[in-house]
């Protein structure tokens, strides 16, 4: 229990016993006691956002594995070669920018023409 949870353990209507605390209900009870229904809604919203974010990360991980490890390797390896060529052009332009402080438009044109192919 946090400090607010300890303070609420002595009040009878919101008494937090060991079972409720062990179940992780202390934040919900503290927020509902201090902020009312709005506090309970905020906690549910945070929980929903955390679950959604975790699910999104899992989906991105699976799609990256499928794309880079399976599709680029076995199904369409020509795309991997094209991507490597674009990466080389991009890194060359970044190096030009670091040394000269600007990127000449002539070095941007090859990248743009490759991107629209």
PDB file of N, CA and C in Angstrom:
ATOM      1  N   UNK A   1       0.832  -1.194   0.000  1.00  0.00           N
ATOM      2  CA  UNK A   1       0.000   0.000   0.000  1.00  0.00           C
ATOM      3  C   UNK A   1       0.865   1.241   0.000  1.00  0.00           C
ATOM      4  N   UNK A   2       0.399   2.264  -0.693  1.00  0.00           N
ATOM      5  CA  UNK A   2       1.055   3.561  -0.640  1.00  0.00           C
ATOM      6  C   UNK A   2       0.549   4.341   0.553  1.00  0.00           C
ATOM      7  N   UNK A   3       0.961   5.581   0.665  1.00  0.00           N
ATOM      8  CA  UNK A   3       0.570   6.418   1.791  1.00  0.00           C
ATOM      9  C   UNK A   3      -0.932   6.671   1.794  1.00  0.00           C
ATOM     10  N   UNK A   4      -1.513   6.927   0.622  1.00  0.00           N
ATOM     11  CA  UNK A   4      -2.956   7.145   0.546  1.00  0.00           C
ATOM     12  C   UNK A   4      -3.709   5.862   0.883  1.00  0.00           C
ATOM     13  N   UNK A   5      -3.189   4.742   0.440  1.00  0.00           N
ATOM     14  CA  UNK A   5      -3.816   3.464   0.774  1.00  0.00           C
ATOM     15  C   UNK A   5      -3.777   3.189   2.260  1.00  0.00           C
ATOM     16  N   UNK A   6      -2.668   3.522   2.906  1.00  0.00           N
ATOM     17  CA  UNK A   6      -2.565   3.359   4.366  1.00  0.00           C
ATOM     18  C   UNK A   6      -3.551   4.261   5.086  1.00  0.00           C
ATOM     19  N   UNK A   7      -3.702   5.489   4.596  1.00  0.00           N
ATOM     20  CA  UNK A   7      -4.630   6.416   5.240  1.00  0.00           C
ATOM     21  C   UNK A   7      -6.063   5.931   5.108  1.00  0.00           C
ATOM     22  N   UNK A   8      -6.391   5.280   4.011  1.00  0.00           N
ATOM     23  CA  UNK A   8      -7.759   4.809   3.807  1.00  0.00           C
ATOM     24  C   UNK A   8      -8.042   3.481   4.494  1.00  0.00           C
ATOM     25  N   UNK A   9      -7.023   2.822   5.022  1.00  0.00           N
ATOM     26  CA  UNK A   9      -7.283   1.542   5.687  1.00  0.00           C
ATOM     27  C   UNK A   9      -7.973   1.729   7.023  1.00  0.00           C
ATOM     28  N   UNK A  10      -7.950   2.934   7.562  1.00  0.00           N
ATOM     29  CA  UNK A  10      -8.606   3.134   8.858  1.00  0.00           C
ATOM     30  C   UNK A  10     -10.043   3.602   8.700  1.00  0.00           C
ATOM     31  N   UNK A  11     -10.426   4.103   7.516  1.00  0.00           N
ATOM     32  CA  UNK A  11     -11.798   4.546   7.296  1.00  0.00           C
ATOM     33  C   UNK A  11     -12.651   3.332   6.942  1.00  0.00           C
ATOM     34  N   UNK A  12     -13.749   3.159   7.658  1.00  0.00           N
ATOM     35  CA  UNK A  12     -14.557   1.947   7.527  1.00  0.00           C
ATOM     36  C   UNK A  12     -15.184   1.738   6.147  1.00  0.00           C
ATOM     37  N   UNK A  13     -15.818   2.722   5.493  1.00  0.00           N
ATOM     38  CA  UNK A  13     -16.459   2.403   4.206  1.00  0.00           C
ATOM     39  C   UNK A  13     -15.465   2.041   3.102  1.00  0.00           C
ATOM     40  N   UNK A  14     -14.250   2.532   3.196  1.00  0.00           N
ATOM     41  CA  UNK A  14     -13.270   2.243   2.152  1.00  0.00           C
ATOM     42  C   UNK A  14     -12.125   1.409   2.694  1.00  0.00           C
ATOM     43  N   UNK A  15     -12.401   0.615   3.688  1.00  0.00           N
ATOM     44  CA  UNK A  15     -11.355  -0.179   4.321  1.00  0.00           C
ATOM     45  C   UNK A  15     -10.695  -1.097   3.291  1.00  0.00           C
ATOM     46  N   UNK A  16      -9.371  -1.059   3.251  1.00  0.00           N
ATOM     47  CA  UNK A  16      -8.615  -1.896   2.324  1.00  0.00           C
ATOM     48  C   UNK A  16      -7.953  -2.997   3.136  1.00  0.00           C
ATOM     49  N   UNK A  17      -8.464  -4.204   2.992  1.00  0.00           N
ATOM     50  CA  UNK A  17      -7.878  -5.317   3.738  1.00  0.00           C
ATOM     51  C   UNK A  17      -6.733  -5.933   2.943  1.00  0.00           C
ATOM     52  N   UNK A  18      -6.103  -6.925   3.507  1.00  0.00           N
ATOM     53  CA  UNK A  18      -4.938  -7.545   2.870  1.00  0.00           C
ATOM     54  C   UNK A  18      -5.309  -8.210   1.543  1.00  0.00           C
ATOM     55  N   UNK A  19      -6.490  -8.809   1.462  1.00  0.00           N
ATOM     56  CA  UNK A  19      -6.897  -9.477   0.223  1.00  0.00           C
ATOM     57  C   UNK A  19      -7.095  -8.468  -0.910  1.00  0.00           C
ATOM     58  N   UNK A  20      -7.739  -7.344  -0.605  1.00  0.00           N
ATOM     59  CA  UNK A  20      -7.950  -6.318  -1.632  1.00  0.00           C
ATOM     60  C   UNK A  20      -6.626  -5.700  -2.052  1.00  0.00           C
ATOM     61  N   UNK A  21      -5.752  -5.502  -1.086  1.00  0.00           N
ATOM     62  CA  UNK A  21      -4.443  -4.930  -1.403  1.00  0.00           C
ATOM     63  C   UNK A  21      -3.616  -5.901  -2.234  1.00  0.00           C
ATOM     64  N   UNK A  22      -3.660  -7.173  -1.898  1.00  0.00           N
ATOM     65  CA  UNK A  22      -2.925  -8.179  -2.650  1.00  0.00           C
ATOM     66  C   UNK A  22      -3.461  -8.374  -4.054  1.00  0.00           C
ATOM     67  N   UNK A  23      -4.733  -8.062  -4.255  1.00  0.00           N
ATOM     68  CA  UNK A  23      -5.338  -8.194  -5.581  1.00  0.00           C
ATOM     69  C   UNK A  23      -5.063  -6.992  -6.470  1.00  0.00           C
ATOM     70  N   UNK A  24      -4.411  -5.981  -5.920  1.00  0.00           N
ATOM     71  CA  UNK A  24      -4.095  -4.800  -6.711  1.00  0.00           C
ATOM     72  C   UNK A  24      -5.212  -3.786  -6.774  1.00  0.00           C
ATOM     73  N   UNK A  25      -6.120  -3.821  -5.816  1.00  0.00           N
ATOM     74  CA  UNK A  25      -7.255  -2.907  -5.836  1.00  0.00           C
ATOM     75  C   UNK A  25      -7.004  -1.603  -5.094  1.00  0.00           C
ATOM     76  N   UNK A  26      -5.831  -1.450  -4.498  1.00  0.00           N
ATOM     77  CA  UNK A  26      -5.553  -0.229  -3.742  1.00  0.00           C
ATOM     78  C   UNK A  26      -5.627   1.019  -4.616  1.00  0.00           C
ATOM     79  N   UNK A  27      -4.989   1.066  -5.788  1.00  0.00           N
ATOM     80  CA  UNK A  27      -5.103   2.290  -6.600  1.00  0.00           C
ATOM     81  C   UNK A  27      -6.544   2.614  -6.989  1.00  0.00           C
ATOM     82  N   UNK A  28      -7.331   1.606  -7.309  1.00  0.00           N
ATOM     83  CA  UNK A  28      -8.718   1.848  -7.692  1.00  0.00           C
ATOM     84  C   UNK A  28      -9.513   2.421  -6.528  1.00  0.00           C
ATOM     85  N   UNK A  29      -9.329   1.870  -5.365  1.00  0.00           N
ATOM     86  CA  UNK A  29     -10.068   2.373  -4.203  1.00  0.00           C
ATOM     87  C   UNK A  29      -9.612   3.768  -3.800  1.00  0.00           C
ATOM     88  N   UNK A  30      -8.321   4.022  -3.870  1.00  0.00           N
ATOM     89  CA  UNK A  30      -7.815   5.349  -3.510  1.00  0.00           C
ATOM     90  C   UNK A  30      -8.346   6.393  -4.484  1.00  0.00           C
ATOM     91  N   UNK A  31      -8.262   6.118  -5.776  1.00  0.00           N
ATOM     92  CA  UNK A  31      -8.748   7.089  -6.760  1.00  0.00           C
ATOM     93  C   UNK A  31     -10.252   7.296  -6.669  1.00  0.00           C
ATOM     94  N   UNK A  32     -11.003   6.238  -6.462  1.00  0.00           N
ATOM     95  CA  UNK A  32     -12.448   6.402  -6.359  1.00  0.00           C
ATOM     96  C   UNK A  32     -12.825   7.143  -5.087  1.00  0.00           C
ATOM     97  N   UNK A  33     -12.061   6.974  -4.025  1.00  0.00           N
ATOM     98  CA  UNK A  33     -12.342   7.689  -2.771  1.00  0.00           C
ATOM     99  C   UNK A  33     -11.969   9.167  -2.882  1.00  0.00           C
ATOM    100  N   UNK A  34     -10.819   9.465  -3.495  1.00  0.00           N
ATOM    101  CA  UNK A  34     -10.350  10.847  -3.562  1.00  0.00           C
ATOM    102  C   UNK A  34     -11.032  11.616  -4.688  1.00  0.00           C
ATOM    103  N   UNK A  35     -11.138  11.016  -5.870  1.00  0.00           N
ATOM    104  CA  UNK A  35     -11.663  11.723  -7.039  1.00  0.00           C
ATOM    105  C   UNK A  35     -13.071  11.295  -7.441  1.00  0.00           C
ATOM    106  N   UNK A  36     -13.640  10.348  -6.751  1.00  0.00           N
ATOM    107  CA  UNK A  36     -14.991   9.906  -7.070  1.00  0.00           C
ATOM    108  C   UNK A  36     -15.037   9.069  -8.336  1.00  0.00           C
ATOM    109  N   UNK A  37     -16.146   9.183  -9.053  1.00  0.00           N
ATOM    110  CA  UNK A  37     -16.323   8.394 -10.271  1.00  0.00           C
ATOM    111  C   UNK A  37     -15.311   8.791 -11.339  1.00  0.00           C
ATOM    112  N   UNK A  38     -14.903  10.055 -11.352  1.00  0.00           N
ATOM    113  CA  UNK A  38     -13.896  10.501 -12.314  1.00  0.00           C
ATOM    114  C   UNK A  38     -12.568   9.806 -12.102  1.00  0.00           C
ATOM    115  N   UNK A  39     -12.202   9.578 -10.852  1.00  0.00           N
ATOM    116  CA  UNK A  39     -10.954   8.874 -10.556  1.00  0.00           C
ATOM    117  C   UNK A  39     -10.996   7.432 -11.021  1.00  0.00           C
ATOM    118  N   UNK A  40     -12.135   6.782 -10.820  1.00  0.00           N
ATOM    119  CA  UNK A  40     -12.276   5.405 -11.296  1.00  0.00           C
ATOM    120  C   UNK A  40     -12.196   5.356 -12.819  1.00  0.00           C
ATOM    121  N   UNK A  41     -12.808   6.338 -13.478  1.00  0.00           N
ATOM    122  CA  UNK A  41     -12.744   6.398 -14.937  1.00  0.00           C
ATOM    123  C   UNK A  41     -11.315   6.619 -15.412  1.00  0.00           C
ATOM    124  N   UNK A  42     -10.574   7.501 -14.744  1.00  0.00           N
ATOM    125  CA  UNK A  42      -9.182   7.760 -15.121  1.00  0.00           C
ATOM    126  C   UNK A  42      -8.358   6.480 -15.007  1.00  0.00           C
ATOM    127  N   UNK A  43      -8.564   5.719 -13.942  1.00  0.00           N
ATOM    128  CA  UNK A  43      -7.818   4.471 -13.774  1.00  0.00           C
ATOM    129  C   UNK A  43      -8.179   3.469 -14.873  1.00  0.00           C
ATOM    130  N   UNK A  44      -9.451   3.361 -15.187  1.00  0.00           N
ATOM    131  CA  UNK A  44      -9.854   2.453 -16.263  1.00  0.00           C
ATOM    132  C   UNK A  44      -9.296   2.905 -17.609  1.00  0.00           C
ATOM    133  N   UNK A  45      -9.259   4.210 -17.833  1.00  0.00           N
ATOM    134  CA  UNK A  45      -8.691   4.735 -19.071  1.00  0.00           C
ATOM    135  C   UNK A  45      -7.200   4.422 -19.156  1.00  0.00           C
ATOM    136  N   UNK A  46      -6.475   4.594 -18.054  1.00  0.00           N
ATOM    137  CA  UNK A  46      -5.048   4.264 -18.044  1.00  0.00           C
ATOM    138  C   UNK A  46      -4.828   2.778 -18.300  1.00  0.00           C
ATOM    139  N   UNK A  47      -5.650   1.948 -17.699  1.00  0.00           N
ATOM    140  CA  UNK A  47      -5.532   0.508 -17.903  1.00  0.00           C
ATOM    141  C   UNK A  47      -5.800   0.147 -19.362  1.00  0.00           C
ATOM    142  N   UNK A  48      -6.835   0.731 -19.946  1.00  0.00           N
ATOM    143  CA  UNK A  48      -7.143   0.485 -21.354  1.00  0.00           C
ATOM    144  C   UNK A  48      -5.995   0.923 -22.254  1.00  0.00           C
ATOM    145  N   UNK A  49      -5.425   2.094 -21.981  1.00  0.00           N
ATOM    146  CA  UNK A  49      -4.327   2.596 -22.804  1.00  0.00           C
ATOM    147  C   UNK A  49      -3.096   1.709 -22.681  1.00  0.00           C
ATOM    148  N   UNK A  50      -2.809   1.198 -21.488  1.00  0.00           N
ATOM    149  CA  UNK A  50      -1.656   0.317 -21.308  1.00  0.00           C
ATOM    150  C   UNK A  50      -1.847  -0.991 -22.073  1.00  0.00           C
ATOM    151  N   UNK A  51      -3.041  -1.550 -22.008  1.00  0.00           N
ATOM    152  CA  UNK A  51      -3.312  -2.802 -22.719  1.00  0.00           C
ATOM    153  C   UNK A  51      -3.263  -2.580 -24.226  1.00  0.00           C
ATOM    154  N   UNK A  52      -3.827  -1.474 -24.695  1.00  0.00           N
ATOM    155  CA  UNK A  52      -3.805  -1.160 -26.120  1.00  0.00           C
ATOM    156  C   UNK A  52      -2.383  -0.965 -26.616  1.00  0.00           C
ATOM    157  N   UNK A  53      -1.572  -0.264 -25.838  1.00  0.00           N
ATOM    158  CA  UNK A  53      -0.181  -0.036 -26.224  1.00  0.00           C
ATOM    159  C   UNK A  53       0.591  -1.348 -26.290  1.00  0.00           C
ATOM    160  N   UNK A  54       0.366  -2.221 -25.337  1.00  0.00           N
ATOM    161  CA  UNK A  54       1.044  -3.517 -25.339  1.00  0.00           C
ATOM    162  C   UNK A  54       0.624  -4.349 -26.545  1.00  0.00           C
ATOM    163  N   UNK A  55      -0.663  -4.359 -26.833  1.00  0.00           N
ATOM    164  CA  UNK A  55      -1.138  -5.088 -28.005  1.00  0.00           C
ATOM    165  C   UNK A  55      -0.567  -4.533 -29.294  1.00  0.00           C
ATOM    166  N   UNK A  56      -0.469  -3.222 -29.379  1.00  0.00           N
ATOM    167  CA  UNK A  56       0.106  -2.591 -30.565  1.00  0.00           C
ATOM    168  C   UNK A  56       1.564  -2.989 -30.741  1.00  0.00           C
ATOM    169  N   UNK A  57       2.318  -3.001 -29.660  1.00  0.00           N
ATOM    170  CA  UNK A  57       3.728  -3.391 -29.747  1.00  0.00           C
ATOM    171  C   UNK A  57       3.873  -4.838 -30.205  1.00  0.00           C
ATOM    172  N   UNK A  58       2.999  -5.701 -29.735  1.00  0.00           N
ATOM    173  CA  UNK A  58       3.053  -7.105 -30.150  1.00  0.00           C
ATOM    174  C   UNK A  58       2.729  -7.252 -31.637  1.00  0.00           C
ATOM    175  N   UNK A  59       1.745  -6.517 -32.109  1.00  0.00           N
ATOM    176  CA  UNK A  59       1.381  -6.586 -33.524  1.00  0.00           C
ATOM    177  C   UNK A  59       2.520  -6.075 -34.396  1.00  0.00           C
ATOM    178  N   UNK A  60       3.148  -4.984 -33.985  1.00  0.00           N
ATOM    179  CA  UNK A  60       4.276  -4.444 -34.750  1.00  0.00           C
ATOM    180  C   UNK A  60       5.437  -5.429 -34.762  1.00  0.00           C
ATOM    181  N   UNK A  61       5.688  -6.089 -33.636  1.00  0.00           N
ATOM    182  CA  UNK A  61       6.785  -7.061 -33.585  1.00  0.00           C
ATOM    183  C   UNK A  61       6.532  -8.219 -34.543  1.00  0.00           C
ATOM    184  N   UNK A  62       5.321  -8.746 -34.540  1.00  0.00           N
ATOM    185  CA  UNK A  62       5.000  -9.866 -35.427  1.00  0.00           C
ATOM    186  C   UNK A  62       5.067  -9.434 -36.888  1.00  0.00           C
ATOM    187  N   UNK A  63       4.541  -8.254 -37.200  1.00  0.00           N
ATOM    188  CA  UNK A  63       4.582  -7.807 -38.595  1.00  0.00           C
ATOM    189  C   UNK A  63       6.011  -7.549 -39.055  1.00  0.00           C
ATOM    190  N   UNK A  64       6.869  -7.057 -38.174  1.00  0.00           N
ATOM    191  CA  UNK A  64       8.274  -6.853 -38.547  1.00  0.00           C
ATOM    192  C   UNK A  64       8.966  -8.181 -38.809  1.00  0.00           C
ATOM    193  N   UNK A  65       8.700  -9.166 -37.979  1.00  0.00           N
ATOM    194  CA  UNK A  65       9.298 -10.486 -38.187  1.00  0.00           C
ATOM    195  C   UNK A  65       8.832 -11.076 -39.513  1.00  0.00           C
ATOM    196  N   UNK A  66       7.526 -10.984 -39.767  1.00  0.00           N
ATOM    197  CA  UNK A  66       7.010 -11.521 -41.026  1.00  0.00           C
ATOM    198  C   UNK A  66       7.584 -10.785 -42.228  1.00  0.00           C
ATOM    199  N   UNK A  67       7.713  -9.471 -42.124  1.00  0.00           N
ATOM    200  CA  UNK A  67       8.205  -8.687 -43.260  1.00  0.00           C
ATOM    201  C   UNK A  67       9.675  -8.931 -43.516  1.00  0.00           C
ATOM    202  N   UNK A  68      10.504  -8.717 -42.504  1.00  0.00           N
ATOM    203  CA  UNK A  68      11.951  -8.753 -42.721  1.00  0.00           C
ATOM    204  C   UNK A  68      12.519 -10.171 -42.782  1.00  0.00           C
ATOM    205  N   UNK A  69      12.001 -11.072 -41.974  1.00  0.00           N
ATOM    206  CA  UNK A  69      12.592 -12.404 -41.925  1.00  0.00           C
ATOM    207  C   UNK A  69      11.987 -13.377 -42.932  1.00  0.00           C
ATOM    208  N   UNK A  70      10.752 -13.181 -43.317  1.00  0.00           N
ATOM    209  CA  UNK A  70      10.114 -14.136 -44.230  1.00  0.00           C
ATOM    210  C   UNK A  70       9.901 -13.521 -45.611  1.00  0.00           C
ATOM    211  N   UNK A  71       9.202 -12.385 -45.670  1.00  0.00           N
ATOM    212  CA  UNK A  71       8.866 -11.810 -46.977  1.00  0.00           C
ATOM    213  C   UNK A  71      10.108 -11.366 -47.737  1.00  0.00           C
ATOM    214  N   UNK A  72      10.982 -10.599 -47.079  1.00  0.00           N
ATOM    215  CA  UNK A  72      12.185 -10.115 -47.771  1.00  0.00           C
ATOM    216  C   UNK A  72      13.176 -11.232 -48.077  1.00  0.00           C
ATOM    217  N   UNK A  73      13.213 -12.269 -47.278  1.00  0.00           N
ATOM    218  CA  UNK A  73      14.184 -13.340 -47.487  1.00  0.00           C
ATOM    219  C   UNK A  73      13.720 -14.358 -48.517  1.00  0.00           C
ATOM    220  N   UNK A  74      12.445 -14.765 -48.450  1.00  0.00           N
ATOM    221  CA  UNK A  74      12.003 -15.903 -49.254  1.00  0.00           C
ATOM    222  C   UNK A  74      11.023 -15.547 -50.369  1.00  0.00           C
ATOM    223  N   UNK A  75      10.133 -14.601 -50.146  1.00  0.00           N
ATOM    224  CA  UNK A  75       9.073 -14.341 -51.115  1.00  0.00           C
ATOM    225  C   UNK A  75       9.498 -13.330 -52.172  1.00  0.00           C
ATOM    226  N   UNK A  76      10.068 -12.204 -51.755  1.00  0.00           N
ATOM    227  CA  UNK A  76      10.420 -11.147 -52.700  1.00  0.00           C
ATOM    228  C   UNK A  76      11.766 -10.529 -52.317  1.00  0.00           C
ATOM    229  N   UNK A  77      12.864 -11.226 -52.569  1.00  0.00           N
ATOM    230  CA  UNK A  77      14.175 -10.707 -52.160  1.00  0.00           C
ATOM    231  C   UNK A  77      14.626  -9.481 -52.950  1.00  0.00           C
ATOM    232  N   UNK A  78      13.982  -9.201 -54.112  1.00  0.00           N
ATOM    233  CA  UNK A  78      14.355  -8.007 -54.873  1.00  0.00           C
ATOM    234  C   UNK A  78      14.076  -6.734 -54.084  1.00  0.00           C
ATOM    235  N   UNK A  79      13.043  -6.762 -53.260  1.00  0.00           N
ATOM    236  CA  UNK A  79      12.733  -5.588 -52.447  1.00  0.00           C
ATOM    237  C   UNK A  79      13.820  -5.312 -51.426  1.00  0.00           C
ATOM    238  N   UNK A  80      14.463  -6.358 -50.942  1.00  0.00           N
ATOM    239  CA  UNK A  80      15.550  -6.165 -49.983  1.00  0.00           C
ATOM    240  C   UNK A  80      16.722  -5.450 -50.647  1.00  0.00           C
ATOM    241  N   UNK A  81      17.032  -5.847 -51.872  1.00  0.00           N
ATOM    242  CA  UNK A  81      18.123  -5.192 -52.602  1.00  0.00           C
ATOM    243  C   UNK A  81      17.794  -3.728 -52.869  1.00  0.00           C
ATOM    244  N   UNK A  82      16.553  -3.440 -53.236  1.00  0.00           N
ATOM    245  CA  UNK A  82      16.139  -2.050 -53.477  1.00  0.00           C
ATOM    246  C   UNK A  82      16.249  -1.241 -52.197  1.00  0.00           C
ATOM    247  N   UNK A  83      15.806  -1.816 -51.085  1.00  0.00           N
ATOM    248  CA  UNK A  83      15.877  -1.118 -49.801  1.00  0.00           C
ATOM    249  C   UNK A  83      17.316  -0.828 -49.412  1.00  0.00           C
ATOM    250  N   UNK A  84      18.201  -1.777 -49.662  1.00  0.00           N
ATOM    251  CA  UNK A  84      19.614  -1.556 -49.344  1.00  0.00           C
ATOM    252  C   UNK A  84      20.200  -0.447 -50.212  1.00  0.00           C
ATOM    253  N   UNK A  85      19.794  -0.375 -51.480  1.00  0.00           N
ATOM    254  CA  UNK A  85      20.257   0.707 -52.349  1.00  0.00           C
ATOM    255  C   UNK A  85      19.773   2.067 -51.871  1.00  0.00           C
ATOM    256  N   UNK A  86      18.501   2.133 -51.463  1.00  0.00           N
ATOM    257  CA  UNK A  86      17.969   3.388 -50.929  1.00  0.00           C
ATOM    258  C   UNK A  86      18.677   3.777 -49.640  1.00  0.00           C
ATOM    259  N   UNK A  87      18.987   2.797 -48.819  1.00  0.00           N
ATOM    260  CA  UNK A  87      19.696   3.068 -47.569  1.00  0.00           C
ATOM    261  C   UNK A  87      21.086   3.633 -47.853  1.00  0.00           C
ATOM    262  N   UNK A  88      21.756   3.092 -48.864  1.00  0.00           N
ATOM    263  CA  UNK A  88      23.095   3.580 -49.215  1.00  0.00           C
ATOM    264  C   UNK A  88      23.030   5.037 -49.682  1.00  0.00           C
ATOM    265  N   UNK A  89      22.034   5.350 -50.516  1.00  0.00           N
ATOM    266  CA  UNK A  89      21.872   6.735 -50.979  1.00  0.00           C
ATOM    267  C   UNK A  89      21.577   7.660 -49.799  1.00  0.00           C
ATOM    268  N   UNK A  90      20.714   7.221 -48.902  1.00  0.00           N
ATOM    269  CA  UNK A  90      20.358   8.050 -47.750  1.00  0.00           C
ATOM    270  C   UNK A  90      21.569   8.300 -46.859  1.00  0.00           C
ATOM    271  N   UNK A  91      22.333   7.255 -46.564  1.00  0.00           N
ATOM    272  CA  UNK A  91      23.514   7.427 -45.711  1.00  0.00           C
ATOM    273  C   UNK A  91      24.555   8.324 -46.372  1.00  0.00           C
ATOM    274  N   UNK A  92      24.669   8.244 -47.686  1.00  0.00           N
ATOM    275  CA  UNK A  92      25.588   9.137 -48.399  1.00  0.00           C
ATOM    276  C   UNK A  92      25.156  10.588 -48.230  1.00  0.00           C
ATOM    277  N   UNK A  93      23.862  10.835 -48.316  1.00  0.00           N
ATOM    278  CA  UNK A  93      23.367  12.202 -48.154  1.00  0.00           C
ATOM    279  C   UNK A  93      23.554  12.701 -46.729  1.00  0.00           C
ATOM    280  N   UNK A  94      23.364  11.829 -45.754  1.00  0.00           N
ATOM    281  CA  UNK A  94      23.592  12.223 -44.363  1.00  0.00           C
ATOM    282  C   UNK A  94      25.059  12.558 -44.148  1.00  0.00           C
ATOM    283  N   UNK A  95      25.948  11.773 -44.727  1.00  0.00           N
ATOM    284  CA  UNK A  95      27.380  12.062 -44.606  1.00  0.00           C
ATOM    285  C   UNK A  95      27.721  13.387 -45.280  1.00  0.00           C
ATOM    286  N   UNK A  96      27.114  13.671 -46.446  1.00  0.00           N
ATOM    287  CA  UNK A  96      27.327  14.961 -47.107  1.00  0.00           C
ATOM    288  C   UNK A  96      26.844  16.105 -46.227  1.00  0.00           C
ATOM    289  N   UNK A  97      25.718  15.902 -45.579  1.00  0.00           N
ATOM    290  CA  UNK A  97      25.177  16.945 -44.712  1.00  0.00           C
ATOM    291  C   UNK A  97      26.096  17.198 -43.521  1.00  0.00           C
ATOM    292  N   UNK A  98      26.662  16.128 -42.962  1.00  0.00           N
ATOM    293  CA  UNK A  98      27.550  16.282 -41.808  1.00  0.00           C
ATOM    294  C   UNK A  98      28.838  17.005 -42.182  1.00  0.00           C
ATOM    295  N   UNK A  99      29.362  16.751 -43.373  1.00  0.00           N
ATOM    296  CA  UNK A  99      30.637  17.375 -43.748  1.00  0.00           C
ATOM    297  C   UNK A  99      30.451  18.786 -44.280  1.00  0.00           C
ATOM    298  N   UNK A 100      29.401  19.018 -45.059  1.00  0.00           N
ATOM    299  CA  UNK A 100      29.222  20.315 -45.700  1.00  0.00           C
ATOM    300  C   UNK A 100      28.215  21.211 -44.990  1.00  0.00           C
ATOM    301  N   UNK A 101      27.391  20.637 -44.142  1.00  0.00           N
ATOM    302  CA  UNK A 101      26.371  21.431 -43.468  1.00  0.00           C
ATOM    303  C   UNK A 101      25.135  21.679 -44.303  1.00  0.00           C
ATOM    304  N   UNK A 102      25.093  21.145 -45.508  1.00  0.00           N
ATOM    305  CA  UNK A 102      23.917  21.285 -46.364  1.00  0.00           C
ATOM    306  C   UNK A 102      23.874  20.093 -47.315  1.00  0.00           C
ATOM    307  N   UNK A 103      22.721  19.847 -47.846  1.00  0.00           N
ATOM    308  CA  UNK A 103      22.561  18.764 -48.813  1.00  0.00           C
ATOM    309  C   UNK A 103      22.235  19.399 -50.154  1.00  0.00           C
ATOM    310  N   UNK A 104      23.111  19.250 -51.125  1.00  0.00           N
ATOM    311  CA  UNK A 104      22.816  19.815 -52.447  1.00  0.00           C
ATOM    312  C   UNK A 104      21.616  19.118 -53.072  1.00  0.00           C
ATOM    313  N   UNK A 105      20.837  19.875 -53.802  1.00  0.00           N
ATOM    314  CA  UNK A 105      19.633  19.324 -54.426  1.00  0.00           C
ATOM    315  C   UNK A 105      19.975  18.213 -55.406  1.00  0.00           C
ATOM    316  N   UNK A 106      21.169  18.243 -55.957  1.00  0.00           N
ATOM    317  CA  UNK A 106      21.572  17.196 -56.899  1.00  0.00           C
ATOM    318  C   UNK A 106      21.684  15.841 -56.211  1.00  0.00           C
ATOM    319  N   UNK A 107      21.989  15.829 -54.927  1.00  0.00           N
ATOM    320  CA  UNK A 107      22.081  14.547 -54.228  1.00  0.00           C
ATOM    321  C   UNK A 107      20.718  14.060 -53.751  1.00  0.00           C
ATOM    322  N   UNK A 108      19.729  14.940 -53.714  1.00  0.00           N
ATOM    323  CA  UNK A 108      18.382  14.537 -53.306  1.00  0.00           C
ATOM    324  C   UNK A 108      17.641  13.893 -54.477  1.00  0.00           C
ATOM    325  N   UNK A 109      17.921  14.343 -55.687  1.00  0.00           N
ATOM    326  CA  UNK A 109      17.211  13.832 -56.863  1.00  0.00           C
ATOM    327  C   UNK A 109      17.333  12.321 -57.047  1.00  0.00           C
ATOM    328  N   UNK A 110      18.510  11.696 -56.874  1.00  0.00           N
ATOM    329  CA  UNK A 110      18.550  10.229 -57.029  1.00  0.00           C
ATOM    330  C   UNK A 110      17.665   9.492 -56.028  1.00  0.00           C
ATOM    331  N   UNK A 111      17.638   9.985 -54.806  1.00  0.00           N
ATOM    332  CA  UNK A 111      16.796   9.336 -53.806  1.00  0.00           C
ATOM    333  C   UNK A 111      15.325   9.488 -54.168  1.00  0.00           C
ATOM    334  N   UNK A 112      14.915  10.670 -54.563  1.00  0.00           N
ATOM    335  CA  UNK A 112      13.519  10.891 -54.915  1.00  0.00           C
ATOM    336  C   UNK A 112      13.115  10.064 -56.132  1.00  0.00           C
ATOM    337  N   UNK A 113      13.991   9.954 -57.104  1.00  0.00           N
ATOM    338  CA  UNK A 113      13.650   9.160 -58.283  1.00  0.00           C
ATOM    339  C   UNK A 113      13.546   7.680 -57.934  1.00  0.00           C
ATOM    340  N   UNK A 114      14.376   7.208 -57.003  1.00  0.00           N
ATOM    341  CA  UNK A 114      14.289   5.806 -56.573  1.00  0.00           C
ATOM    342  C   UNK A 114      13.009   5.558 -55.781  1.00  0.00           C
ATOM    343  N   UNK A 115      12.594   6.533 -54.990  1.00  0.00           N
ATOM    344  CA  UNK A 115      11.407   6.348 -54.161  1.00  0.00           C
ATOM    345  C   UNK A 115      10.126   6.277 -54.979  1.00  0.00           C
ATOM    346  N   UNK A 116      10.065   6.967 -56.095  1.00  0.00           N
ATOM    347  CA  UNK A 116       8.837   6.982 -56.891  1.00  0.00           C
ATOM    348  C   UNK A 116       8.789   5.870 -57.929  1.00  0.00           C
ATOM    349  N   UNK A 117       9.828   5.073 -58.045  1.00  0.00           N
ATOM    350  CA  UNK A 117       9.826   3.960 -59.003  1.00  0.00           C
ATOM    351  C   UNK A 117       8.786   2.941 -58.643  1.00  0.00           C
TER     352      UNK A 117
END
